[in-house]
Every structure is written in structure tokens, then in C-alpha cells.
Amino acid sequence: MSTATTDGIRVTVEPTFWPERSTPEAGQFAFMYKVEIVNDGDAPAQLHARHWLITDAQGNVDEVKGEGVVGRQPRLGPGERFEYTSWAMLKTPFGTMRGSYEMVRPDGTRFEARIAEFALTLPHSLH
């Protein structure tokens, strides 16, 4: 699990291995991750875009950029939260993810809310 707070926006990510979507013998390891975004600050902010860096055990990096998350661009007032679940596929049994969300304040100010690096790993019993 990872947590980071930037300019009042707290991002917590909890990853889990997704065996039903994985085919280890074919080099496909699926990981789900649950994201919670909380506005701990005193000003509203809207999530505009996402930027992920997904690194596998061999050092290969997959960069993912796009608008919003799960088809949405949530606006969070002070004290509000937004949660979603997504997933990533690796070619190795472990790796890492990190990134940022581009956030926009009502006055047009933009900032990057950091997503702290977290590990994607198989449960110990599957190693």
C-alpha cells in the first residue's frame, strides 16, 4: 500500500494480485489496485488527467497517460473522497507502479498530486 499527500490531496493505493485474470505460464500477471483520493485541504480540486509509470521486474517501463480515471473526472470539495478500482498487466511476477494525477482548482491553478510508488507482487504462497 502507498499513501502520498500533495497540496491537500491524499492518494492511497492498495494493490492485490488478480489470479483469475493471470496466466503465469504465458507471462501474464494481473494486478488490481484500489485507489482512494481524499481532499484533506480547504479548496476544491478536480482530477483532470492521470499519468502512470508501470515497471516490471526486468526494468521495462510502460507509461500510461489519459484523461480522468475510469471514464470520470471527479471534483472533490474539502473533505470529499473518490474511490475506484483498476488493474495492470505485467510480464513478470512482480513490479512497481507510481504516478500522478493532474488536478485543477476552480481558479484554473493546476498541480500534480503524487501517487507514491507501490509494489505489485504475488502472494507469498504463489512464489
N, C-alpha and C. Protein backbone atom coordinates (compact mmCIF):
# COMPACT_ATOMS: atom_id res chain seq x y z
N MET A 1 0.85 -1.17 0.00
CA MET A 1 0.00 0.00 0.00
C MET A 1 0.90 1.23 0.00
N SER A 2 0.39 2.32 -0.60
CA SER A 2 1.13 3.57 -0.60
C SER A 2 0.18 4.73 -0.34
N THR A 3 0.72 5.77 0.28
CA THR A 3 -0.05 6.99 0.51
C THR A 3 0.85 8.19 0.30
N ALA A 4 0.33 9.21 -0.38
CA ALA A 4 1.05 10.46 -0.56
C ALA A 4 0.03 11.60 -0.55
N THR A 5 0.44 12.74 0.01
CA THR A 5 -0.42 13.92 0.02
C THR A 5 0.31 15.07 -0.66
N THR A 6 -0.38 15.69 -1.62
CA THR A 6 0.17 16.84 -2.34
C THR A 6 -0.88 17.95 -2.33
N ASP A 7 -0.52 19.09 -1.77
CA ASP A 7 -1.41 20.25 -1.79
C ASP A 7 -2.83 19.91 -1.29
N GLY A 8 -2.89 19.09 -0.24
CA GLY A 8 -4.17 18.73 0.37
C GLY A 8 -4.87 17.54 -0.25
N ILE A 9 -4.35 16.99 -1.35
CA ILE A 9 -4.97 15.83 -1.98
C ILE A 9 -4.20 14.57 -1.58
N ARG A 10 -4.88 13.69 -0.85
CA ARG A 10 -4.26 12.44 -0.37
C ARG A 10 -4.66 11.29 -1.28
N VAL A 11 -3.67 10.57 -1.79
CA VAL A 11 -3.90 9.44 -2.68
C VAL A 11 -3.35 8.18 -2.01
N THR A 12 -4.24 7.20 -1.78
CA THR A 12 -3.85 5.93 -1.19
C THR A 12 -4.16 4.83 -2.19
N VAL A 13 -3.20 3.92 -2.40
CA VAL A 13 -3.39 2.82 -3.34
C VAL A 13 -3.13 1.50 -2.63
N GLU A 14 -4.04 0.55 -2.84
CA GLU A 14 -3.90 -0.79 -2.26
C GLU A 14 -3.95 -1.82 -3.39
N PRO A 15 -2.79 -2.42 -3.74
CA PRO A 15 -2.75 -3.40 -4.83
C PRO A 15 -2.97 -4.83 -4.35
N THR A 16 -3.49 -5.68 -5.23
CA THR A 16 -3.62 -7.11 -4.96
C THR A 16 -3.41 -7.89 -6.25
N PHE A 17 -2.87 -9.08 -6.12
CA PHE A 17 -2.70 -9.96 -7.27
C PHE A 17 -4.08 -10.45 -7.72
N TRP A 18 -4.29 -10.59 -9.03
CA TRP A 18 -5.58 -10.99 -9.58
C TRP A 18 -5.40 -12.32 -10.32
N PRO A 19 -5.47 -13.44 -9.59
CA PRO A 19 -5.19 -14.75 -10.19
C PRO A 19 -6.14 -15.14 -11.32
N GLU A 20 -7.41 -14.75 -11.23
CA GLU A 20 -8.40 -15.13 -12.24
C GLU A 20 -8.08 -14.53 -13.61
N ARG A 21 -7.34 -13.44 -13.64
CA ARG A 21 -7.02 -12.76 -14.90
C ARG A 21 -5.58 -13.04 -15.35
N SER A 22 -4.85 -13.82 -14.53
CA SER A 22 -3.44 -14.10 -14.79
C SER A 22 -3.23 -15.45 -15.45
N THR A 23 -2.18 -15.52 -16.27
CA THR A 23 -1.75 -16.78 -16.88
C THR A 23 -0.22 -16.81 -16.74
N PRO A 24 0.27 -17.22 -15.55
CA PRO A 24 1.71 -17.17 -15.29
C PRO A 24 2.55 -17.92 -16.33
N GLU A 25 2.08 -19.07 -16.79
CA GLU A 25 2.86 -19.84 -17.78
C GLU A 25 3.02 -19.09 -19.10
N ALA A 26 2.16 -18.10 -19.34
CA ALA A 26 2.25 -17.28 -20.55
C ALA A 26 2.87 -15.90 -20.26
N GLY A 27 3.38 -15.73 -19.04
CA GLY A 27 3.99 -14.46 -18.67
C GLY A 27 2.98 -13.33 -18.53
N GLN A 28 1.81 -13.65 -18.01
CA GLN A 28 0.78 -12.63 -17.79
C GLN A 28 0.38 -12.64 -16.31
N PHE A 29 0.73 -11.56 -15.64
CA PHE A 29 0.46 -11.42 -14.21
C PHE A 29 -0.40 -10.17 -14.03
N ALA A 30 -1.65 -10.37 -13.64
CA ALA A 30 -2.59 -9.26 -13.49
C ALA A 30 -2.65 -8.81 -12.03
N PHE A 31 -2.72 -7.51 -11.85
CA PHE A 31 -2.82 -6.92 -10.52
C PHE A 31 -3.92 -5.88 -10.52
N MET A 32 -4.81 -5.99 -9.52
CA MET A 32 -5.84 -4.97 -9.32
C MET A 32 -5.29 -3.96 -8.31
N TYR A 33 -5.78 -2.75 -8.40
CA TYR A 33 -5.42 -1.78 -7.38
C TYR A 33 -6.62 -0.88 -7.10
N LYS A 34 -6.84 -0.67 -5.80
CA LYS A 34 -7.93 0.19 -5.34
C LYS A 34 -7.32 1.53 -4.97
N VAL A 35 -7.89 2.60 -5.51
CA VAL A 35 -7.38 3.95 -5.27
C VAL A 35 -8.42 4.75 -4.48
N GLU A 36 -7.96 5.43 -3.45
CA GLU A 36 -8.80 6.36 -2.70
C GLU A 36 -8.15 7.75 -2.80
N ILE A 37 -8.91 8.71 -3.29
CA ILE A 37 -8.43 10.09 -3.40
C ILE A 37 -9.28 10.93 -2.44
N VAL A 38 -8.62 11.59 -1.51
CA VAL A 38 -9.32 12.38 -0.49
C VAL A 38 -8.82 13.82 -0.51
N ASN A 39 -9.74 14.76 -0.47
CA ASN A 39 -9.37 16.17 -0.38
C ASN A 39 -9.30 16.55 1.10
N ASP A 40 -8.07 16.54 1.65
CA ASP A 40 -7.85 16.93 3.04
C ASP A 40 -7.62 18.44 3.16
N GLY A 41 -7.62 19.12 2.04
CA GLY A 41 -7.35 20.56 2.05
C GLY A 41 -8.61 21.39 2.24
N ASP A 42 -8.47 22.69 2.00
CA ASP A 42 -9.61 23.59 2.19
C ASP A 42 -10.10 24.20 0.89
N ALA A 43 -9.60 23.69 -0.26
CA ALA A 43 -10.05 24.20 -1.56
C ALA A 43 -10.44 23.04 -2.46
N PRO A 44 -11.50 23.20 -3.27
CA PRO A 44 -11.91 22.14 -4.19
C PRO A 44 -10.82 21.88 -5.24
N ALA A 45 -10.84 20.68 -5.79
CA ALA A 45 -9.93 20.32 -6.88
C ALA A 45 -10.61 19.25 -7.73
N GLN A 46 -10.36 19.32 -9.02
CA GLN A 46 -10.92 18.33 -9.94
C GLN A 46 -9.78 17.56 -10.59
N LEU A 47 -9.94 16.22 -10.64
CA LEU A 47 -8.96 15.37 -11.29
C LEU A 47 -9.15 15.51 -12.80
N HIS A 48 -8.12 15.96 -13.49
CA HIS A 48 -8.22 16.19 -14.93
C HIS A 48 -7.60 15.05 -15.73
N ALA A 49 -6.41 14.58 -15.31
CA ALA A 49 -5.69 13.56 -16.08
C ALA A 49 -4.88 12.66 -15.16
N ARG A 50 -4.47 11.51 -15.71
CA ARG A 50 -3.65 10.56 -14.96
C ARG A 50 -2.35 10.29 -15.73
N HIS A 51 -1.32 9.93 -14.97
CA HIS A 51 -0.04 9.57 -15.55
C HIS A 51 0.56 8.47 -14.67
N TRP A 52 0.73 7.28 -15.26
CA TRP A 52 1.27 6.13 -14.53
C TRP A 52 2.57 5.68 -15.17
N LEU A 53 3.49 5.21 -14.33
CA LEU A 53 4.70 4.52 -14.77
C LEU A 53 4.67 3.13 -14.14
N ILE A 54 4.57 2.12 -14.99
CA ILE A 54 4.47 0.73 -14.54
C ILE A 54 5.78 0.04 -14.93
N THR A 55 6.51 -0.46 -13.93
CA THR A 55 7.82 -1.06 -14.17
C THR A 55 7.79 -2.53 -13.78
N ASP A 56 8.24 -3.40 -14.70
CA ASP A 56 8.25 -4.83 -14.36
C ASP A 56 9.62 -5.21 -13.76
N ALA A 57 9.78 -6.47 -13.40
CA ALA A 57 10.98 -6.94 -12.72
C ALA A 57 12.23 -6.87 -13.60
N GLN A 58 12.05 -6.75 -14.90
CA GLN A 58 13.19 -6.65 -15.82
C GLN A 58 13.53 -5.20 -16.15
N GLY A 59 12.85 -4.27 -15.50
CA GLY A 59 13.13 -2.86 -15.70
C GLY A 59 12.39 -2.23 -16.88
N ASN A 60 11.52 -3.00 -17.53
CA ASN A 60 10.73 -2.44 -18.63
C ASN A 60 9.66 -1.51 -18.06
N VAL A 61 9.53 -0.32 -18.65
CA VAL A 61 8.59 0.68 -18.15
C VAL A 61 7.48 0.90 -19.18
N ASP A 62 6.24 0.83 -18.70
CA ASP A 62 5.07 1.12 -19.52
C ASP A 62 4.49 2.42 -18.99
N GLU A 63 4.38 3.42 -19.84
CA GLU A 63 3.86 4.72 -19.44
C GLU A 63 2.42 4.84 -19.92
N VAL A 64 1.52 5.21 -19.00
CA VAL A 64 0.11 5.34 -19.33
C VAL A 64 -0.33 6.76 -18.99
N LYS A 65 -0.88 7.46 -19.99
CA LYS A 65 -1.41 8.81 -19.78
C LYS A 65 -2.82 8.86 -20.34
N GLY A 66 -3.67 9.66 -19.73
CA GLY A 66 -5.01 9.81 -20.25
C GLY A 66 -5.83 10.76 -19.41
N GLU A 67 -6.99 11.10 -19.94
CA GLU A 67 -7.90 11.98 -19.21
C GLU A 67 -8.64 11.19 -18.14
N GLY A 68 -8.78 11.79 -16.98
CA GLY A 68 -9.58 11.22 -15.91
C GLY A 68 -9.15 9.84 -15.45
N VAL A 69 -10.05 9.20 -14.70
CA VAL A 69 -9.87 7.83 -14.22
C VAL A 69 -11.20 7.11 -14.39
N VAL A 70 -11.16 5.89 -14.84
CA VAL A 70 -12.36 5.06 -15.10
C VAL A 70 -13.48 5.88 -15.77
N GLY A 71 -13.08 6.69 -16.74
CA GLY A 71 -14.07 7.46 -17.50
C GLY A 71 -14.65 8.67 -16.78
N ARG A 72 -14.06 9.05 -15.67
CA ARG A 72 -14.58 10.17 -14.90
C ARG A 72 -13.49 11.18 -14.58
N GLN A 73 -13.91 12.40 -14.29
CA GLN A 73 -13.02 13.46 -13.83
C GLN A 73 -13.64 14.04 -12.55
N PRO A 74 -13.49 13.29 -11.45
CA PRO A 74 -14.19 13.70 -10.22
C PRO A 74 -13.71 15.04 -9.65
N ARG A 75 -14.68 15.81 -9.17
CA ARG A 75 -14.40 17.06 -8.47
C ARG A 75 -14.59 16.78 -6.99
N LEU A 76 -13.56 17.14 -6.21
CA LEU A 76 -13.59 16.87 -4.77
C LEU A 76 -13.56 18.17 -3.98
N GLY A 77 -14.63 18.41 -3.27
CA GLY A 77 -14.65 19.54 -2.35
C GLY A 77 -13.89 19.15 -1.09
N PRO A 78 -13.60 20.10 -0.21
CA PRO A 78 -12.92 19.79 1.05
C PRO A 78 -13.66 18.67 1.80
N GLY A 79 -12.90 17.66 2.23
CA GLY A 79 -13.47 16.55 2.98
C GLY A 79 -14.08 15.45 2.13
N GLU A 80 -14.17 15.66 0.82
CA GLU A 80 -14.78 14.65 -0.05
C GLU A 80 -13.74 13.64 -0.53
N ARG A 81 -14.25 12.45 -0.93
CA ARG A 81 -13.37 11.38 -1.40
C ARG A 81 -13.95 10.73 -2.64
N PHE A 82 -13.06 10.10 -3.42
CA PHE A 82 -13.47 9.34 -4.60
C PHE A 82 -12.66 8.06 -4.60
N GLU A 83 -13.32 6.93 -4.84
CA GLU A 83 -12.64 5.63 -4.89
C GLU A 83 -12.93 4.95 -6.21
N TYR A 84 -11.93 4.23 -6.71
CA TYR A 84 -12.13 3.42 -7.91
C TYR A 84 -11.15 2.26 -7.89
N THR A 85 -11.45 1.26 -8.70
CA THR A 85 -10.57 0.10 -8.85
C THR A 85 -10.19 -0.04 -10.31
N SER A 86 -8.93 -0.33 -10.55
CA SER A 86 -8.45 -0.57 -11.90
C SER A 86 -7.46 -1.73 -11.86
N TRP A 87 -6.76 -1.95 -12.97
CA TRP A 87 -5.82 -3.07 -12.97
C TRP A 87 -4.71 -2.84 -13.98
N ALA A 88 -3.65 -3.64 -13.84
CA ALA A 88 -2.50 -3.56 -14.74
C ALA A 88 -1.99 -4.98 -14.98
N MET A 89 -1.39 -5.19 -16.15
CA MET A 89 -0.82 -6.49 -16.50
C MET A 89 0.70 -6.37 -16.60
N LEU A 90 1.40 -7.30 -15.94
CA LEU A 90 2.85 -7.36 -16.03
C LEU A 90 3.26 -8.65 -16.73
N LYS A 91 4.48 -8.66 -17.27
CA LYS A 91 5.04 -9.87 -17.87
C LYS A 91 5.92 -10.61 -16.88
N THR A 92 6.07 -10.05 -15.69
CA THR A 92 6.87 -10.66 -14.62
C THR A 92 6.01 -10.75 -13.36
N PRO A 93 6.39 -11.64 -12.42
CA PRO A 93 5.57 -11.83 -11.22
C PRO A 93 5.62 -10.68 -10.21
N PHE A 94 6.46 -9.70 -10.44
CA PHE A 94 6.44 -8.53 -9.57
C PHE A 94 6.93 -7.30 -10.33
N GLY A 95 6.59 -6.15 -9.76
CA GLY A 95 6.98 -4.88 -10.35
C GLY A 95 6.51 -3.75 -9.46
N THR A 96 6.50 -2.54 -10.01
CA THR A 96 6.06 -1.38 -9.24
C THR A 96 5.23 -0.45 -10.11
N MET A 97 4.46 0.39 -9.45
CA MET A 97 3.71 1.45 -10.13
C MET A 97 3.86 2.72 -9.32
N ARG A 98 3.86 3.85 -10.02
CA ARG A 98 3.85 5.17 -9.40
C ARG A 98 3.31 6.14 -10.43
N GLY A 99 2.99 7.34 -9.99
CA GLY A 99 2.47 8.28 -10.97
C GLY A 99 1.95 9.54 -10.34
N SER A 100 0.99 10.17 -11.06
CA SER A 100 0.41 11.42 -10.57
C SER A 100 -0.94 11.66 -11.24
N TYR A 101 -1.72 12.49 -10.59
CA TYR A 101 -2.98 12.98 -11.15
C TYR A 101 -2.83 14.48 -11.36
N GLU A 102 -3.20 14.96 -12.53
CA GLU A 102 -3.23 16.40 -12.76
C GLU A 102 -4.54 16.91 -12.17
N MET A 103 -4.42 17.80 -11.20
CA MET A 103 -5.57 18.36 -10.51
C MET A 103 -5.72 19.83 -10.91
N VAL A 104 -6.97 20.31 -10.95
CA VAL A 104 -7.25 21.69 -11.32
C VAL A 104 -8.14 22.34 -10.25
N ARG A 105 -7.72 23.49 -9.76
CA ARG A 105 -8.51 24.27 -8.79
C ARG A 105 -9.54 25.11 -9.55
N PRO A 106 -10.58 25.60 -8.88
CA PRO A 106 -11.59 26.44 -9.54
C PRO A 106 -11.01 27.69 -10.20
N ASP A 107 -9.88 28.21 -9.69
CA ASP A 107 -9.27 29.40 -10.30
C ASP A 107 -8.38 29.06 -11.50
N GLY A 108 -8.33 27.77 -11.88
CA GLY A 108 -7.54 27.35 -13.02
C GLY A 108 -6.14 26.87 -12.67
N THR A 109 -5.73 27.02 -11.42
CA THR A 109 -4.42 26.56 -10.98
C THR A 109 -4.34 25.04 -11.13
N ARG A 110 -3.24 24.56 -11.70
CA ARG A 110 -3.03 23.12 -11.89
C ARG A 110 -1.86 22.65 -11.02
N PHE A 111 -1.96 21.41 -10.53
CA PHE A 111 -0.85 20.81 -9.80
C PHE A 111 -0.90 19.30 -9.96
N GLU A 112 0.24 18.66 -9.72
CA GLU A 112 0.34 17.20 -9.84
C GLU A 112 0.23 16.59 -8.45
N ALA A 113 -0.84 15.82 -8.22
CA ALA A 113 -0.99 15.08 -6.97
C ALA A 113 -0.21 13.77 -7.12
N ARG A 114 0.81 13.59 -6.30
CA ARG A 114 1.70 12.43 -6.42
C ARG A 114 1.02 11.14 -5.99
N ILE A 115 1.30 10.08 -6.74
CA ILE A 115 0.89 8.72 -6.37
C ILE A 115 2.18 8.01 -5.99
N ALA A 116 2.37 7.75 -4.70
CA ALA A 116 3.61 7.14 -4.22
C ALA A 116 3.77 5.74 -4.80
N GLU A 117 5.02 5.36 -5.03
CA GLU A 117 5.30 4.04 -5.60
C GLU A 117 4.78 2.93 -4.70
N PHE A 118 4.24 1.90 -5.33
CA PHE A 118 3.78 0.71 -4.60
C PHE A 118 4.19 -0.53 -5.37
N ALA A 119 4.31 -1.64 -4.63
CA ALA A 119 4.77 -2.90 -5.22
C ALA A 119 3.60 -3.73 -5.72
N LEU A 120 3.82 -4.38 -6.86
CA LEU A 120 2.89 -5.37 -7.39
C LEU A 120 3.61 -6.70 -7.21
N THR A 121 3.11 -7.54 -6.32
CA THR A 121 3.79 -8.81 -6.02
C THR A 121 2.78 -9.93 -5.84
N LEU A 122 3.23 -11.13 -6.15
CA LEU A 122 2.40 -12.31 -5.93
C LEU A 122 2.32 -12.57 -4.43
N PRO A 123 1.21 -13.16 -3.97
CA PRO A 123 1.15 -13.58 -2.57
C PRO A 123 2.27 -14.58 -2.32
N HIS A 124 2.79 -14.60 -1.10
CA HIS A 124 3.93 -15.46 -0.76
C HIS A 124 3.69 -16.92 -1.13
N SER A 125 2.47 -17.38 -0.98
CA SER A 125 2.16 -18.80 -1.26
C SER A 125 2.30 -19.15 -2.73
N LEU A 126 2.34 -18.16 -3.62
CA LEU A 126 2.45 -18.45 -5.07
C LEU A 126 3.87 -18.33 -5.59
N HIS A 127 4.83 -17.89 -4.78
CA HIS A 127 6.21 -17.72 -5.24
C HIS A 127 6.87 -19.06 -5.47
